[in-house]
Amino acid sequence: FQFPFILAVRNASKHTVLSALEGRVTSTVEEEIACAVSQVHKIAWMRLLLNVDHPEGADGHGGFLTCHVLDTANGIPASGMRIELYKLVDRPETNGVRTQQKRLLRTFLTDSDGRLGGPALAGTDFDVGQYEWMFYAGDYFARFSGSRITGTPFLDVIPLSFGLDDPTEHYHVPLLVSPWSYSTYRGS
C-alpha cells in the first residue's frame, strides 16, 4: 500500500492482530486508508481516555453494563436465575501460550423482570477488558414442576465471554435461554 499498517492493538491478542492483518491484506488502497484512519481515531480515543481525569464527584466515564435473561421455553422473564460476573485477567505468557485468570466480581439473582435491578458494572468499576458471565440455567429450569430435566441437564452453567472496549458506552448483554438452547447479542 506504500504506507504503514495501522491497528489499535491495546487489549488485542496476537491472534486478533493476525486475523486483522489477514482480513485487511486484500483490501483496496481506498479501503485500507479508511480503515487506517479509523484505527488512528481509535488509538487517539483510547489515549485520551487514559489521560483524562474524572471531574470532582464524577464516577467514571459514564459507561455501564446491564443484563436481561428471558426464558424462551416458558415465555417469561427468567426470575431468580443466579448469575456470576468475572473479569478475565491476563497472565504472563508461558511457552507462547496466553492464559487468563478469572476473578469473581459479583454474584446476582435476577429480579421478576429477569434483570439485575441495576447495572452490573458502572462508574470506576466499569473498566475496559475481557469479562465472563456464568448463567446457572440448569438450576433455574429444574425449579419448574413441568420440567423434564432429571439428572444432568443439557445446559447447566452457560459461560459467556465478552469484551468491553469503550468505557463511555452502555453494554447490554441479554440471554435468551431454554433448557436446550441459548442465544445472545449486544443489546441496547
Protein backbone atom coordinates (compact mmCIF):
# COMPACT_ATOMS: atom_id res chain seq x y z
CA PHE A 1 0.00 0.00 0.00
CA GLN A 2 3.02 2.31 0.30
CA PHE A 3 2.10 3.33 3.87
CA PRO A 4 2.30 1.59 7.26
CA PHE A 5 -0.31 -0.86 8.51
CA ILE A 6 -2.07 0.75 11.47
CA LEU A 7 -4.00 -1.20 14.08
CA ALA A 8 -5.15 -0.28 17.59
CA VAL A 9 -3.77 -3.26 19.50
CA ARG A 10 -4.47 -2.36 23.13
CA ASN A 11 -6.40 -5.25 24.69
CA ALA A 12 -6.00 -7.33 21.49
CA SER A 13 -4.43 -10.78 21.49
CA LYS A 14 -1.79 -11.71 18.95
CA HIS A 15 -4.43 -13.90 17.29
CA THR A 16 -6.74 -10.89 16.88
CA VAL A 17 -3.89 -8.87 15.39
CA LEU A 18 -3.02 -11.66 12.95
CA SER A 19 -6.68 -12.05 11.94
CA ALA A 20 -6.91 -8.30 11.32
CA LEU A 21 -3.83 -8.48 9.12
CA GLU A 22 -5.24 -11.40 7.17
CA GLY A 23 -8.60 -9.69 6.76
CA ARG A 24 -7.12 -6.42 5.52
CA VAL A 25 -4.37 -7.70 3.21
CA THR A 26 -6.77 -7.97 0.24
CA SER A 27 -8.30 -4.51 0.78
CA THR A 28 -8.13 -1.86 -1.90
CA VAL A 29 -5.91 1.15 -1.21
CA GLU A 30 -9.01 3.27 -0.53
CA GLU A 31 -10.46 0.71 1.89
CA GLU A 32 -7.15 0.41 3.74
CA ILE A 33 -6.75 4.18 4.05
CA ALA A 34 -10.27 4.44 5.52
CA CYS A 35 -9.55 1.58 7.94
CA ALA A 36 -6.15 3.05 8.93
CA VAL A 37 -7.72 6.45 9.64
CA SER A 38 -10.41 4.74 11.74
CA GLN A 39 -7.68 2.92 13.71
CA VAL A 40 -5.79 6.18 14.30
CA HIS A 41 -9.01 7.68 15.70
CA LYS A 42 -9.42 4.67 18.00
CA ILE A 43 -5.80 4.92 19.22
CA ALA A 44 -6.22 8.64 19.94
CA TRP A 45 -9.54 7.99 21.75
CA MET A 46 -8.01 5.28 23.96
CA ARG A 47 -5.03 7.52 24.82
CA LEU A 48 -7.33 10.43 25.59
CA LEU A 49 -9.46 8.33 27.95
CA LEU A 50 -6.37 7.19 29.84
CA ASN A 51 -5.22 10.78 30.35
CA VAL A 52 -8.50 12.47 31.25
CA ASP A 53 -9.10 12.88 34.95
CA HIS A 54 -12.65 12.44 36.16
CA PRO A 55 -14.19 15.72 37.34
CA GLU A 56 -14.68 16.10 41.08
CA GLY A 57 -17.63 13.91 42.09
CA ALA A 58 -17.79 12.06 38.73
CA ASP A 59 -17.98 8.30 38.85
CA GLY A 60 -16.04 7.04 35.83
CA HIS A 61 -16.51 7.83 32.15
CA GLY A 62 -20.26 7.12 32.13
CA GLY A 63 -20.35 3.60 30.67
CA PHE A 64 -22.17 0.70 32.29
CA LEU A 65 -23.02 -3.00 31.87
CA THR A 66 -26.51 -4.49 32.15
CA CYS A 67 -28.03 -7.92 31.63
CA HIS A 68 -31.50 -9.36 30.95
CA VAL A 69 -32.44 -13.07 30.89
CA LEU A 70 -35.53 -14.31 29.08
CA ASP A 71 -36.87 -17.86 29.49
CA THR A 72 -37.91 -18.76 25.92
CA ALA A 73 -39.24 -22.21 26.92
CA ASN A 74 -41.91 -20.70 29.17
CA GLY A 75 -42.25 -17.28 27.51
CA ILE A 76 -41.39 -15.36 30.69
CA PRO A 77 -38.52 -13.37 32.21
CA ALA A 78 -36.07 -15.71 33.96
CA SER A 79 -36.79 -14.60 37.51
CA GLY A 80 -34.48 -15.97 40.21
CA MET A 81 -31.60 -17.13 37.98
CA ARG A 82 -28.18 -16.97 39.63
CA ILE A 83 -25.53 -15.19 37.56
CA GLU A 84 -21.86 -14.58 38.30
CA LEU A 85 -19.70 -11.92 36.66
CA TYR A 86 -15.96 -12.48 36.31
CA LYS A 87 -13.15 -10.32 34.98
CA LEU A 88 -10.58 -12.23 32.93
CA VAL A 89 -7.07 -11.07 33.80
CA ASP A 90 -4.15 -11.94 31.51
CA ARG A 91 -1.29 -13.89 33.00
CA PRO A 92 2.21 -13.68 31.53
CA GLU A 93 2.67 -15.97 28.52
CA THR A 94 4.33 -19.31 29.21
CA ASN A 95 5.90 -21.11 26.25
CA GLY A 96 3.96 -18.87 23.87
CA VAL A 97 0.59 -19.74 25.47
CA ARG A 98 -1.64 -16.96 26.79
CA THR A 99 -3.66 -17.83 29.88
CA GLN A 100 -6.21 -15.88 31.86
CA GLN A 101 -7.25 -15.91 35.48
CA LYS A 102 -10.92 -15.46 36.36
CA ARG A 103 -11.65 -13.04 39.20
CA LEU A 104 -15.21 -13.11 40.60
CA LEU A 105 -16.61 -9.57 40.72
CA ARG A 106 -20.20 -10.12 41.81
CA THR A 107 -22.99 -12.67 42.11
CA PHE A 108 -26.54 -11.71 41.11
CA LEU A 109 -30.05 -13.13 41.31
CA THR A 110 -32.36 -11.90 38.55
CA ASP A 111 -35.47 -9.97 39.62
CA SER A 112 -39.08 -10.59 38.50
CA ASP A 113 -38.29 -8.98 35.13
CA GLY A 114 -35.21 -11.18 34.54
CA ARG A 115 -32.90 -8.22 35.16
CA LEU A 116 -30.25 -7.44 37.77
CA GLY A 117 -32.03 -4.49 39.36
CA GLY A 118 -29.35 -2.06 38.12
CA PRO A 119 -26.03 -2.04 36.33
CA ALA A 120 -23.66 -4.94 36.95
CA LEU A 121 -20.75 -2.56 36.43
CA ALA A 122 -20.75 1.23 36.39
CA GLY A 123 -18.59 4.17 37.30
CA THR A 124 -14.97 3.44 38.12
CA ASP A 125 -15.76 -0.32 38.31
CA PHE A 126 -16.62 -0.27 34.60
CA ASP A 127 -13.26 -0.99 33.00
CA VAL A 128 -12.08 -1.99 29.53
CA GLY A 129 -11.21 -5.68 29.31
CA GLN A 130 -12.47 -9.24 28.95
CA TYR A 131 -15.32 -10.47 31.14
CA GLU A 132 -17.40 -13.61 31.56
CA TRP A 133 -20.96 -14.15 32.72
CA MET A 134 -21.84 -17.54 34.23
CA PHE A 135 -25.59 -18.22 33.93
CA TYR A 136 -26.91 -21.05 36.14
CA ALA A 137 -29.60 -22.20 33.71
CA GLY A 138 -29.77 -25.82 34.91
CA ASP A 139 -30.68 -24.78 38.46
CA TYR A 140 -33.22 -22.27 37.13
CA PHE A 141 -35.07 -24.73 34.87
CA ALA A 142 -35.02 -27.54 37.48
CA ARG A 143 -37.42 -25.44 39.61
CA PHE A 144 -40.32 -25.86 37.18
CA SER A 145 -42.69 -28.71 38.08
CA GLY A 146 -43.24 -29.50 34.39
CA SER A 147 -39.52 -29.64 33.76
CA ARG A 148 -38.23 -32.72 32.02
CA ILE A 149 -34.80 -32.11 33.47
CA THR A 150 -33.64 -35.07 35.51
CA GLY A 151 -30.08 -35.95 36.30
CA THR A 152 -27.58 -33.95 34.29
CA PRO A 153 -29.17 -31.02 32.44
CA PHE A 154 -28.28 -30.50 28.77
CA LEU A 155 -27.40 -26.86 29.59
CA ASP A 156 -26.26 -26.39 33.14
CA VAL A 157 -23.90 -23.44 33.59
CA ILE A 158 -23.64 -21.25 30.49
CA PRO A 159 -20.37 -19.31 30.20
CA LEU A 160 -20.50 -16.18 28.06
CA SER A 161 -17.21 -14.38 27.40
CA PHE A 162 -17.31 -10.83 26.04
CA GLY A 163 -15.20 -7.71 25.85
CA LEU A 164 -15.76 -4.13 26.95
CA ASP A 165 -13.78 -1.77 24.74
CA ASP A 166 -15.20 1.72 25.35
CA PRO A 167 -15.71 3.00 28.93
CA THR A 168 -18.23 5.59 27.75
CA GLU A 169 -20.69 3.07 26.23
CA HIS A 170 -23.68 1.13 27.57
CA TYR A 171 -23.12 -2.60 27.05
CA HIS A 172 -26.31 -4.65 27.39
CA VAL A 173 -25.98 -8.45 27.28
CA PRO A 174 -29.32 -10.25 27.00
CA LEU A 175 -29.57 -14.03 27.23
CA LEU A 176 -32.46 -15.87 25.60
CA VAL A 177 -32.45 -19.35 27.09
CA SER A 178 -34.34 -22.64 27.21
CA PRO A 179 -33.22 -25.97 28.72
CA TRP A 180 -31.81 -26.92 25.28
CA SER A 181 -30.57 -23.72 23.62
CA TYR A 182 -29.49 -20.14 24.15
CA SER A 183 -28.52 -17.05 22.20
CA THR A 184 -27.17 -13.63 22.98
CA TYR A 185 -26.22 -10.39 21.28
CA ARG A 186 -25.11 -6.90 22.20
CA GLY A 187 -28.36 -5.14 23.03
CA SER A 188 -29.15 -1.53 23.67
